[in-house]
């Protein structure tokens, strides 16, 4: 497993939730040697989104590949994300 990071001030494209139309937040990313080839994980932090459910810890998530090269390189790499402000709770995204 690779542990990635969000690069501050990197121009990640904006994405929106198809259910509530709010802006998604980049929570983790894995970059290739050329940092413009990457896999990023976006989550919807909107608590009034119709599919957001804190009780079962469910929110809209989107995996984004910046290029075909990034898809080929990272398609089998899973991304861990610390969830719900709990140090010991991680969700692994494909």
PDB file of N, CA and C in Angstrom:
ATOM      1  N   UNK A   1       0.840  -1.175   0.000  1.00  0.00           N
ATOM      2  CA  UNK A   1       0.000   0.000   0.000  1.00  0.00           C
ATOM      3  C   UNK A   1       0.888   1.243   0.000  1.00  0.00           C
ATOM      4  N   UNK A   2       0.509   2.214  -0.780  1.00  0.00           N
ATOM      5  CA  UNK A   2       1.228   3.480  -0.847  1.00  0.00           C
ATOM      6  C   UNK A   2       0.445   4.511  -0.045  1.00  0.00           C
ATOM      7  N   UNK A   3       1.122   5.249   0.793  1.00  0.00           N
ATOM      8  CA  UNK A   3       0.460   6.330   1.511  1.00  0.00           C
ATOM      9  C   UNK A   3       0.797   7.617   0.786  1.00  0.00           C
ATOM     10  N   UNK A   4      -0.220   8.241   0.255  1.00  0.00           N
ATOM     11  CA  UNK A   4      -0.024   9.462  -0.509  1.00  0.00           C
ATOM     12  C   UNK A   4      -0.221  10.686   0.355  1.00  0.00           C
ATOM     13  N   UNK A   5      -0.292  11.812  -0.330  1.00  0.00           N
ATOM     14  CA  UNK A   5      -0.548  13.060   0.374  1.00  0.00           C
ATOM     15  C   UNK A   5      -1.103  14.068  -0.611  1.00  0.00           C
ATOM     16  N   UNK A   6      -1.832  15.027  -0.089  1.00  0.00           N
ATOM     17  CA  UNK A   6      -2.323  16.134  -0.896  1.00  0.00           C
ATOM     18  C   UNK A   6      -1.229  17.189  -0.914  1.00  0.00           C
ATOM     19  N   UNK A   7      -0.841  17.631  -2.097  1.00  0.00           N
ATOM     20  CA  UNK A   7       0.197  18.648  -2.229  1.00  0.00           C
ATOM     21  C   UNK A   7      -0.465  20.019  -2.075  1.00  0.00           C
ATOM     22  N   UNK A   8      -0.039  20.796  -1.080  1.00  0.00           N
ATOM     23  CA  UNK A   8      -0.637  22.128  -0.889  1.00  0.00           C
ATOM     24  C   UNK A   8      -0.456  22.994  -2.139  1.00  0.00           C
ATOM     25  N   UNK A   9      -1.489  23.723  -2.480  1.00  0.00           N
ATOM     26  CA  UNK A   9      -1.506  24.655  -3.617  1.00  0.00           C
ATOM     27  C   UNK A   9      -1.371  23.973  -4.980  1.00  0.00           C
ATOM     28  N   UNK A  10      -1.499  22.649  -5.041  1.00  0.00           N
ATOM     29  CA  UNK A  10      -1.476  21.960  -6.328  1.00  0.00           C
ATOM     30  C   UNK A  10      -2.830  22.199  -7.008  1.00  0.00           C
ATOM     31  N   UNK A  11      -2.852  22.382  -8.316  1.00  0.00           N
ATOM     32  CA  UNK A  11      -4.121  22.694  -8.998  1.00  0.00           C
ATOM     33  C   UNK A  11      -4.988  21.456  -9.284  1.00  0.00           C
ATOM     34  N   UNK A  12      -5.475  20.806  -8.230  1.00  0.00           N
ATOM     35  CA  UNK A  12      -6.407  19.693  -8.429  1.00  0.00           C
ATOM     36  C   UNK A  12      -7.688  20.263  -9.037  1.00  0.00           C
ATOM     37  N   UNK A  13      -8.270  19.573 -10.022  1.00  0.00           N
ATOM     38  CA  UNK A  13      -9.509  20.106 -10.607  1.00  0.00           C
ATOM     39  C   UNK A  13     -10.660  20.041  -9.599  1.00  0.00           C
ATOM     40  N   UNK A  14     -11.546  21.004  -9.690  1.00  0.00           N
ATOM     41  CA  UNK A  14     -12.714  20.995  -8.809  1.00  0.00           C
ATOM     42  C   UNK A  14     -13.710  19.964  -9.309  1.00  0.00           C
ATOM     43  N   UNK A  15     -14.300  19.254  -8.380  1.00  0.00           N
ATOM     44  CA  UNK A  15     -15.333  18.253  -8.667  1.00  0.00           C
ATOM     45  C   UNK A  15     -16.524  18.554  -7.776  1.00  0.00           C
ATOM     46  N   UNK A  16     -17.714  18.118  -8.198  1.00  0.00           N
ATOM     47  CA  UNK A  16     -18.877  18.337  -7.361  1.00  0.00           C
ATOM     48  C   UNK A  16     -19.668  17.048  -7.178  1.00  0.00           C
ATOM     49  N   UNK A  17     -20.361  16.978  -6.061  1.00  0.00           N
ATOM     50  CA  UNK A  17     -21.189  15.820  -5.736  1.00  0.00           C
ATOM     51  C   UNK A  17     -22.405  15.808  -6.669  1.00  0.00           C
ATOM     52  N   UNK A  18     -22.713  14.681  -7.309  1.00  0.00           N
ATOM     53  CA  UNK A  18     -23.871  14.636  -8.199  1.00  0.00           C
ATOM     54  C   UNK A  18     -25.207  14.599  -7.450  1.00  0.00           C
ATOM     55  N   UNK A  19     -25.164  14.465  -6.132  1.00  0.00           N
ATOM     56  CA  UNK A  19     -26.391  14.399  -5.340  1.00  0.00           C
ATOM     57  C   UNK A  19     -26.778  15.740  -4.721  1.00  0.00           C
ATOM     58  N   UNK A  20     -25.788  16.510  -4.257  1.00  0.00           N
ATOM     59  CA  UNK A  20     -26.094  17.790  -3.601  1.00  0.00           C
ATOM     60  C   UNK A  20     -25.444  18.974  -4.311  1.00  0.00           C
ATOM     61  N   UNK A  21     -24.617  18.703  -5.325  1.00  0.00           N
ATOM     62  CA  UNK A  21     -23.976  19.734  -6.147  1.00  0.00           C
ATOM     63  C   UNK A  21     -23.024  20.644  -5.361  1.00  0.00           C
ATOM     64  N   UNK A  22     -22.492  20.133  -4.259  1.00  0.00           N
ATOM     65  CA  UNK A  22     -21.510  20.878  -3.476  1.00  0.00           C
ATOM     66  C   UNK A  22     -20.110  20.452  -3.907  1.00  0.00           C
ATOM     67  N   UNK A  23     -19.141  21.312  -3.663  1.00  0.00           N
ATOM     68  CA  UNK A  23     -17.749  21.053  -4.024  1.00  0.00           C
ATOM     69  C   UNK A  23     -17.193  19.903  -3.177  1.00  0.00           C
ATOM     70  N   UNK A  24     -16.498  18.975  -3.840  1.00  0.00           N
ATOM     71  CA  UNK A  24     -15.837  17.870  -3.148  1.00  0.00           C
ATOM     72  C   UNK A  24     -14.465  18.328  -2.655  1.00  0.00           C
ATOM     73  N   UNK A  25     -13.962  17.643  -1.642  1.00  0.00           N
ATOM     74  CA  UNK A  25     -12.664  17.959  -1.058  1.00  0.00           C
ATOM     75  C   UNK A  25     -11.669  16.854  -1.387  1.00  0.00           C
ATOM     76  N   UNK A  26     -10.469  17.224  -1.846  1.00  0.00           N
ATOM     77  CA  UNK A  26      -9.407  16.238  -2.083  1.00  0.00           C
ATOM     78  C   UNK A  26      -8.867  15.828  -0.715  1.00  0.00           C
ATOM     79  N   UNK A  27      -8.955  14.523  -0.406  1.00  0.00           N
ATOM     80  CA  UNK A  27      -8.505  14.063   0.909  1.00  0.00           C
ATOM     81  C   UNK A  27      -7.211  13.259   0.854  1.00  0.00           C
ATOM     82  N   UNK A  28      -6.858  12.751  -0.315  1.00  0.00           N
ATOM     83  CA  UNK A  28      -5.587  12.053  -0.475  1.00  0.00           C
ATOM     84  C   UNK A  28      -5.283  11.945  -1.962  1.00  0.00           C
ATOM     85  N   UNK A  29      -4.008  11.865  -2.287  1.00  0.00           N
ATOM     86  CA  UNK A  29      -3.589  11.744  -3.683  1.00  0.00           C
ATOM     87  C   UNK A  29      -2.247  11.040  -3.743  1.00  0.00           C
ATOM     88  N   UNK A  30      -2.032  10.342  -4.851  1.00  0.00           N
ATOM     89  CA  UNK A  30      -0.769   9.668  -5.112  1.00  0.00           C
ATOM     90  C   UNK A  30      -0.251  10.232  -6.420  1.00  0.00           C
ATOM     91  N   UNK A  31       0.934  10.796  -6.395  1.00  0.00           N
ATOM     92  CA  UNK A  31       1.510  11.422  -7.587  1.00  0.00           C
ATOM     93  C   UNK A  31       2.645  10.578  -8.146  1.00  0.00           C
ATOM     94  N   UNK A  32       2.741  10.589  -9.467  1.00  0.00           N
ATOM     95  CA  UNK A  32       3.821   9.938 -10.193  1.00  0.00           C
ATOM     96  C   UNK A  32       5.028  10.863 -10.147  1.00  0.00           C
ATOM     97  N   UNK A  33       6.164  10.419 -10.668  1.00  0.00           N
ATOM     98  CA  UNK A  33       7.373  11.253 -10.685  1.00  0.00           C
ATOM     99  C   UNK A  33       7.075  12.635 -11.270  1.00  0.00           C
ATOM    100  N   UNK A  34       6.350  12.654 -12.371  1.00  0.00           N
ATOM    101  CA  UNK A  34       5.845  13.917 -12.898  1.00  0.00           C
ATOM    102  C   UNK A  34       4.551  14.155 -12.131  1.00  0.00           C
ATOM    103  N   UNK A  35       4.535  15.119 -11.252  1.00  0.00           N
ATOM    104  CA  UNK A  35       3.415  15.249 -10.319  1.00  0.00           C
ATOM    105  C   UNK A  35       2.079  15.541 -10.988  1.00  0.00           C
ATOM    106  N   UNK A  36       2.054  15.760 -12.300  1.00  0.00           N
ATOM    107  CA  UNK A  36       0.790  16.005 -12.990  1.00  0.00           C
ATOM    108  C   UNK A  36       0.086  14.719 -13.414  1.00  0.00           C
ATOM    109  N   UNK A  37       0.697  13.581 -13.131  1.00  0.00           N
ATOM    110  CA  UNK A  37       0.056  12.279 -13.331  1.00  0.00           C
ATOM    111  C   UNK A  37      -0.224  11.729 -11.951  1.00  0.00           C
ATOM    112  N   UNK A  38      -1.501  11.646 -11.592  1.00  0.00           N
ATOM    113  CA  UNK A  38      -1.841  11.267 -10.221  1.00  0.00           C
ATOM    114  C   UNK A  38      -3.221  10.618 -10.138  1.00  0.00           C
ATOM    115  N   UNK A  39      -3.457  10.004  -9.005  1.00  0.00           N
ATOM    116  CA  UNK A  39      -4.758   9.464  -8.622  1.00  0.00           C
ATOM    117  C   UNK A  39      -5.163  10.225  -7.364  1.00  0.00           C
ATOM    118  N   UNK A  40      -6.360  10.788  -7.365  1.00  0.00           N
ATOM    119  CA  UNK A  40      -6.816  11.571  -6.215  1.00  0.00           C
ATOM    120  C   UNK A  40      -8.159  11.044  -5.730  1.00  0.00           C
ATOM    121  N   UNK A  41      -8.367  11.152  -4.435  1.00  0.00           N
ATOM    122  CA  UNK A  41      -9.635  10.761  -3.836  1.00  0.00           C
ATOM    123  C   UNK A  41     -10.331  12.012  -3.316  1.00  0.00           C
ATOM    124  N   UNK A  42     -11.560  12.202  -3.759  1.00  0.00           N
ATOM    125  CA  UNK A  42     -12.394  13.325  -3.339  1.00  0.00           C
ATOM    126  C   UNK A  42     -13.516  12.791  -2.451  1.00  0.00           C
ATOM    127  N   UNK A  43     -13.860  13.527  -1.397  1.00  0.00           N
ATOM    128  CA  UNK A  43     -15.001  13.193  -0.547  1.00  0.00           C
ATOM    129  C   UNK A  43     -15.918  14.403  -0.429  1.00  0.00           C
ATOM    130  N   UNK A  44     -17.188  14.127  -0.207  1.00  0.00           N
ATOM    131  CA  UNK A  44     -18.168  15.187   0.013  1.00  0.00           C
ATOM    132  C   UNK A  44     -18.354  15.381   1.518  1.00  0.00           C
ATOM    133  N   UNK A  45     -17.919  16.527   2.054  1.00  0.00           N
ATOM    134  CA  UNK A  45     -18.045  16.760   3.491  1.00  0.00           C
ATOM    135  C   UNK A  45     -19.389  17.362   3.889  1.00  0.00           C
ATOM    136  N   UNK A  46     -20.311  17.505   2.955  1.00  0.00           N
ATOM    137  CA  UNK A  46     -21.586  18.175   3.200  1.00  0.00           C
ATOM    138  C   UNK A  46     -22.517  17.292   4.044  1.00  0.00           C
ATOM    139  N   UNK A  47     -22.806  17.667   5.293  1.00  0.00           N
ATOM    140  CA  UNK A  47     -23.659  16.833   6.144  1.00  0.00           C
ATOM    141  C   UNK A  47     -25.133  16.836   5.740  1.00  0.00           C
ATOM    142  N   UNK A  48     -25.542  17.734   4.833  1.00  0.00           N
ATOM    143  CA  UNK A  48     -26.942  17.700   4.395  1.00  0.00           C
ATOM    144  C   UNK A  48     -27.106  17.048   3.022  1.00  0.00           C
ATOM    145  N   UNK A  49     -26.045  16.430   2.510  1.00  0.00           N
ATOM    146  CA  UNK A  49     -26.130  15.664   1.263  1.00  0.00           C
ATOM    147  C   UNK A  49     -27.072  14.483   1.497  1.00  0.00           C
ATOM    148  N   UNK A  50     -27.931  14.141   0.535  1.00  0.00           N
ATOM    149  CA  UNK A  50     -28.882  13.045   0.736  1.00  0.00           C
ATOM    150  C   UNK A  50     -28.246  11.680   1.022  1.00  0.00           C
ATOM    151  N   UNK A  51     -26.997  11.471   0.586  1.00  0.00           N
ATOM    152  CA  UNK A  51     -26.394  10.159   0.868  1.00  0.00           C
ATOM    153  C   UNK A  51     -25.411  10.190   2.033  1.00  0.00           C
ATOM    154  N   UNK A  52     -25.194  11.362   2.624  1.00  0.00           N
ATOM    155  CA  UNK A  52     -24.310  11.462   3.792  1.00  0.00           C
ATOM    156  C   UNK A  52     -25.006  10.818   4.979  1.00  0.00           C
ATOM    157  N   UNK A  53     -24.307   9.945   5.675  1.00  0.00           N
ATOM    158  CA  UNK A  53     -24.868   9.294   6.856  1.00  0.00           C
ATOM    159  C   UNK A  53     -23.756   9.089   7.873  1.00  0.00           C
ATOM    160  N   UNK A  54     -23.690   9.952   8.854  1.00  0.00           N
ATOM    161  CA  UNK A  54     -22.635   9.860   9.857  1.00  0.00           C
ATOM    162  C   UNK A  54     -22.770   8.606  10.702  1.00  0.00           C
ATOM    163  N   UNK A  55     -23.986   8.147  10.920  1.00  0.00           N
ATOM    164  CA  UNK A  55     -24.207   6.945  11.726  1.00  0.00           C
ATOM    165  C   UNK A  55     -23.508   5.722  11.170  1.00  0.00           C
ATOM    166  N   UNK A  56     -23.554   5.549   9.865  1.00  0.00           N
ATOM    167  CA  UNK A  56     -22.878   4.409   9.233  1.00  0.00           C
ATOM    168  C   UNK A  56     -21.577   4.832   8.560  1.00  0.00           C
ATOM    169  N   UNK A  57     -21.202   6.101   8.762  1.00  0.00           N
ATOM    170  CA  UNK A  57     -19.960   6.663   8.237  1.00  0.00           C
ATOM    171  C   UNK A  57     -19.867   6.517   6.713  1.00  0.00           C
ATOM    172  N   UNK A  58     -20.895   7.060   6.037  1.00  0.00           N
ATOM    173  CA  UNK A  58     -20.974   6.978   4.588  1.00  0.00           C
ATOM    174  C   UNK A  58     -21.080   8.380   4.002  1.00  0.00           C
ATOM    175  N   UNK A  59     -20.301   8.653   2.970  1.00  0.00           N
ATOM    176  CA  UNK A  59     -20.357   9.915   2.244  1.00  0.00           C
ATOM    177  C   UNK A  59     -19.998   9.630   0.785  1.00  0.00           C
ATOM    178  N   UNK A  60     -20.360  10.536  -0.106  1.00  0.00           N
ATOM    179  CA  UNK A  60     -20.021  10.365  -1.509  1.00  0.00           C
ATOM    180  C   UNK A  60     -18.515  10.476  -1.690  1.00  0.00           C
ATOM    181  N   UNK A  61     -17.934   9.537  -2.441  1.00  0.00           N
ATOM    182  CA  UNK A  61     -16.496   9.536  -2.728  1.00  0.00           C
ATOM    183  C   UNK A  61     -16.297   9.371  -4.232  1.00  0.00           C
ATOM    184  N   UNK A  62     -15.249  10.012  -4.752  1.00  0.00           N
ATOM    185  CA  UNK A  62     -14.921   9.911  -6.175  1.00  0.00           C
ATOM    186  C   UNK A  62     -13.421   9.726  -6.318  1.00  0.00           C
ATOM    187  N   UNK A  63     -13.027   8.713  -7.087  1.00  0.00           N
ATOM    188  CA  UNK A  63     -11.623   8.504  -7.416  1.00  0.00           C
ATOM    189  C   UNK A  63     -11.401   9.131  -8.793  1.00  0.00           C
ATOM    190  N   UNK A  64     -10.345   9.931  -8.897  1.00  0.00           N
ATOM    191  CA  UNK A  64     -10.056  10.650 -10.136  1.00  0.00           C
ATOM    192  C   UNK A  64      -8.629  10.349 -10.584  1.00  0.00           C
ATOM    193  N   UNK A  65      -8.472  10.028 -11.863  1.00  0.00           N
ATOM    194  CA  UNK A  65      -7.147   9.825 -12.471  1.00  0.00           C
ATOM    195  C   UNK A  65      -6.876  10.998 -13.399  1.00  0.00           C
ATOM    196  N   UNK A  66      -5.714  11.603 -13.297  1.00  0.00           N
ATOM    197  CA  UNK A  66      -5.405  12.790 -14.085  1.00  0.00           C
ATOM    198  C   UNK A  66      -5.105  12.477 -15.551  1.00  0.00           C
ATOM    199  N   UNK A  67      -4.785  11.215 -15.852  1.00  0.00           N
ATOM    200  CA  UNK A  67      -4.436  10.852 -17.224  1.00  0.00           C
ATOM    201  C   UNK A  67      -4.563   9.337 -17.391  1.00  0.00           C
ATOM    202  N   UNK A  68      -4.499   8.893 -18.632  1.00  0.00           N
ATOM    203  CA  UNK A  68      -4.508   7.451 -18.896  1.00  0.00           C
ATOM    204  C   UNK A  68      -3.263   6.801 -18.302  1.00  0.00           C
ATOM    205  N   UNK A  69      -2.151   7.516 -18.368  1.00  0.00           N
ATOM    206  CA  UNK A  69      -0.906   7.005 -17.786  1.00  0.00           C
ATOM    207  C   UNK A  69      -1.070   6.801 -16.273  1.00  0.00           C
ATOM    208  N   UNK A  70      -1.701   7.752 -15.612  1.00  0.00           N
ATOM    209  CA  UNK A  70      -1.934   7.633 -14.165  1.00  0.00           C
ATOM    210  C   UNK A  70      -2.849   6.444 -13.871  1.00  0.00           C
ATOM    211  N   UNK A  71      -3.870   6.237 -14.712  1.00  0.00           N
ATOM    212  CA  UNK A  71      -4.764   5.091 -14.528  1.00  0.00           C
ATOM    213  C   UNK A  71      -3.993   3.781 -14.658  1.00  0.00           C
ATOM    214  N   UNK A  72      -3.178   3.667 -15.692  1.00  0.00           N
ATOM    215  CA  UNK A  72      -2.395   2.441 -15.894  1.00  0.00           C
ATOM    216  C   UNK A  72      -1.451   2.175 -14.726  1.00  0.00           C
ATOM    217  N   UNK A  73      -0.858   3.217 -14.206  1.00  0.00           N
ATOM    218  CA  UNK A  73       0.119   3.060 -13.129  1.00  0.00           C
ATOM    219  C   UNK A  73      -0.531   2.820 -11.770  1.00  0.00           C
ATOM    220  N   UNK A  74      -1.666   3.461 -11.506  1.00  0.00           N
ATOM    221  CA  UNK A  74      -2.257   3.445 -10.160  1.00  0.00           C
ATOM    222  C   UNK A  74      -3.583   2.696 -10.024  1.00  0.00           C
ATOM    223  N   UNK A  75      -4.094   2.093 -11.077  1.00  0.00           N
ATOM    224  CA  UNK A  75      -5.429   1.490 -10.980  1.00  0.00           C
ATOM    225  C   UNK A  75      -5.552   0.433  -9.901  1.00  0.00           C
ATOM    226  N   UNK A  76      -4.482  -0.271  -9.572  1.00  0.00           N
ATOM    227  CA  UNK A  76      -4.543  -1.306  -8.536  1.00  0.00           C
ATOM    228  C   UNK A  76      -4.032  -0.829  -7.174  1.00  0.00           C
ATOM    229  N   UNK A  77      -3.677   0.438  -7.069  1.00  0.00           N
ATOM    230  CA  UNK A  77      -3.161   0.992  -5.817  1.00  0.00           C
ATOM    231  C   UNK A  77      -4.331   1.497  -4.979  1.00  0.00           C
ATOM    232  N   UNK A  78      -4.397   1.043  -3.749  1.00  0.00           N
ATOM    233  CA  UNK A  78      -5.460   1.473  -2.852  1.00  0.00           C
ATOM    234  C   UNK A  78      -5.022   2.699  -2.054  1.00  0.00           C
ATOM    235  N   UNK A  79      -5.974   3.588  -1.773  1.00  0.00           N
ATOM    236  CA  UNK A  79      -5.678   4.835  -1.076  1.00  0.00           C
ATOM    237  C   UNK A  79      -6.303   4.813   0.322  1.00  0.00           C
ATOM    238  N   UNK A  80      -5.492   4.899   1.375  1.00  0.00           N
ATOM    239  CA  UNK A  80      -6.055   4.990   2.729  1.00  0.00           C
ATOM    240  C   UNK A  80      -6.417   6.432   3.078  1.00  0.00           C
ATOM    241  N   UNK A  81      -7.519   6.592   3.796  1.00  0.00           N
ATOM    242  CA  UNK A  81      -7.953   7.917   4.216  1.00  0.00           C
ATOM    243  C   UNK A  81      -8.417   7.841   5.662  1.00  0.00           C
ATOM    244  N   UNK A  82      -7.858   8.703   6.495  1.00  0.00           N
ATOM    245  CA  UNK A  82      -8.318   8.781   7.881  1.00  0.00           C
ATOM    246  C   UNK A  82      -9.716   9.367   7.861  1.00  0.00           C
ATOM    247  N   UNK A  83     -10.623   8.745   8.585  1.00  0.00           N
ATOM    248  CA  UNK A  83     -12.017   9.150   8.500  1.00  0.00           C
ATOM    249  C   UNK A  83     -12.581   9.614   9.827  1.00  0.00           C
ATOM    250  N   UNK A  84     -13.493  10.515   9.728  1.00  0.00           N
ATOM    251  CA  UNK A  84     -14.353  10.900  10.843  1.00  0.00           C
ATOM    252  C   UNK A  84     -13.580  11.362  12.069  1.00  0.00           C
ATOM    253  N   UNK A  85     -12.448  11.999  11.854  1.00  0.00           N
ATOM    254  CA  UNK A  85     -11.650  12.588  12.946  1.00  0.00           C
ATOM    255  C   UNK A  85     -11.234  11.574  14.001  1.00  0.00           C
ATOM    256  N   UNK A  86     -11.092  10.343  13.611  1.00  0.00           N
ATOM    257  CA  UNK A  86     -10.651   9.307  14.544  1.00  0.00           C
ATOM    258  C   UNK A  86      -9.299   8.795  14.080  1.00  0.00           C
ATOM    259  N   UNK A  87      -8.311   8.888  14.945  1.00  0.00           N
ATOM    260  CA  UNK A  87      -6.946   8.525  14.574  1.00  0.00           C
ATOM    261  C   UNK A  87      -6.806   7.072  14.140  1.00  0.00           C
ATOM    262  N   UNK A  88      -7.619   6.183  14.680  1.00  0.00           N
ATOM    263  CA  UNK A  88      -7.448   4.764  14.395  1.00  0.00           C
ATOM    264  C   UNK A  88      -8.443   4.237  13.366  1.00  0.00           C
ATOM    265  N   UNK A  89      -9.224   5.109  12.713  1.00  0.00           N
ATOM    266  CA  UNK A  89     -10.215   4.658  11.739  1.00  0.00           C
ATOM    267  C   UNK A  89      -9.818   5.125  10.342  1.00  0.00           C
ATOM    268  N   UNK A  90      -9.514   4.158   9.489  1.00  0.00           N
ATOM    269  CA  UNK A  90      -9.136   4.444   8.102  1.00  0.00           C
ATOM    270  C   UNK A  90     -10.067   3.675   7.171  1.00  0.00           C
ATOM    271  N   UNK A  91     -10.382   4.266   6.049  1.00  0.00           N
ATOM    272  CA  UNK A  91     -11.105   3.594   4.996  1.00  0.00           C
ATOM    273  C   UNK A  91     -10.135   3.449   3.837  1.00  0.00           C
ATOM    274  N   UNK A  92     -10.117   2.285   3.212  1.00  0.00           N
ATOM    275  CA  UNK A  92      -9.231   2.029   2.077  1.00  0.00           C
ATOM    276  C   UNK A  92     -10.075   2.090   0.809  1.00  0.00           C
ATOM    277  N   UNK A  93      -9.693   2.957  -0.118  1.00  0.00           N
ATOM    278  CA  UNK A  93     -10.421   3.113  -1.375  1.00  0.00           C
ATOM    279  C   UNK A  93      -9.624   2.499  -2.513  1.00  0.00           C
ATOM    280  N   UNK A  94     -10.332   1.772  -3.416  1.00  0.00           N
ATOM    281  CA  UNK A  94      -9.646   1.156  -4.566  1.00  0.00           C
ATOM    282  C   UNK A  94      -9.198   2.179  -5.586  1.00  0.00           C
TER     283      UNK A  94
END
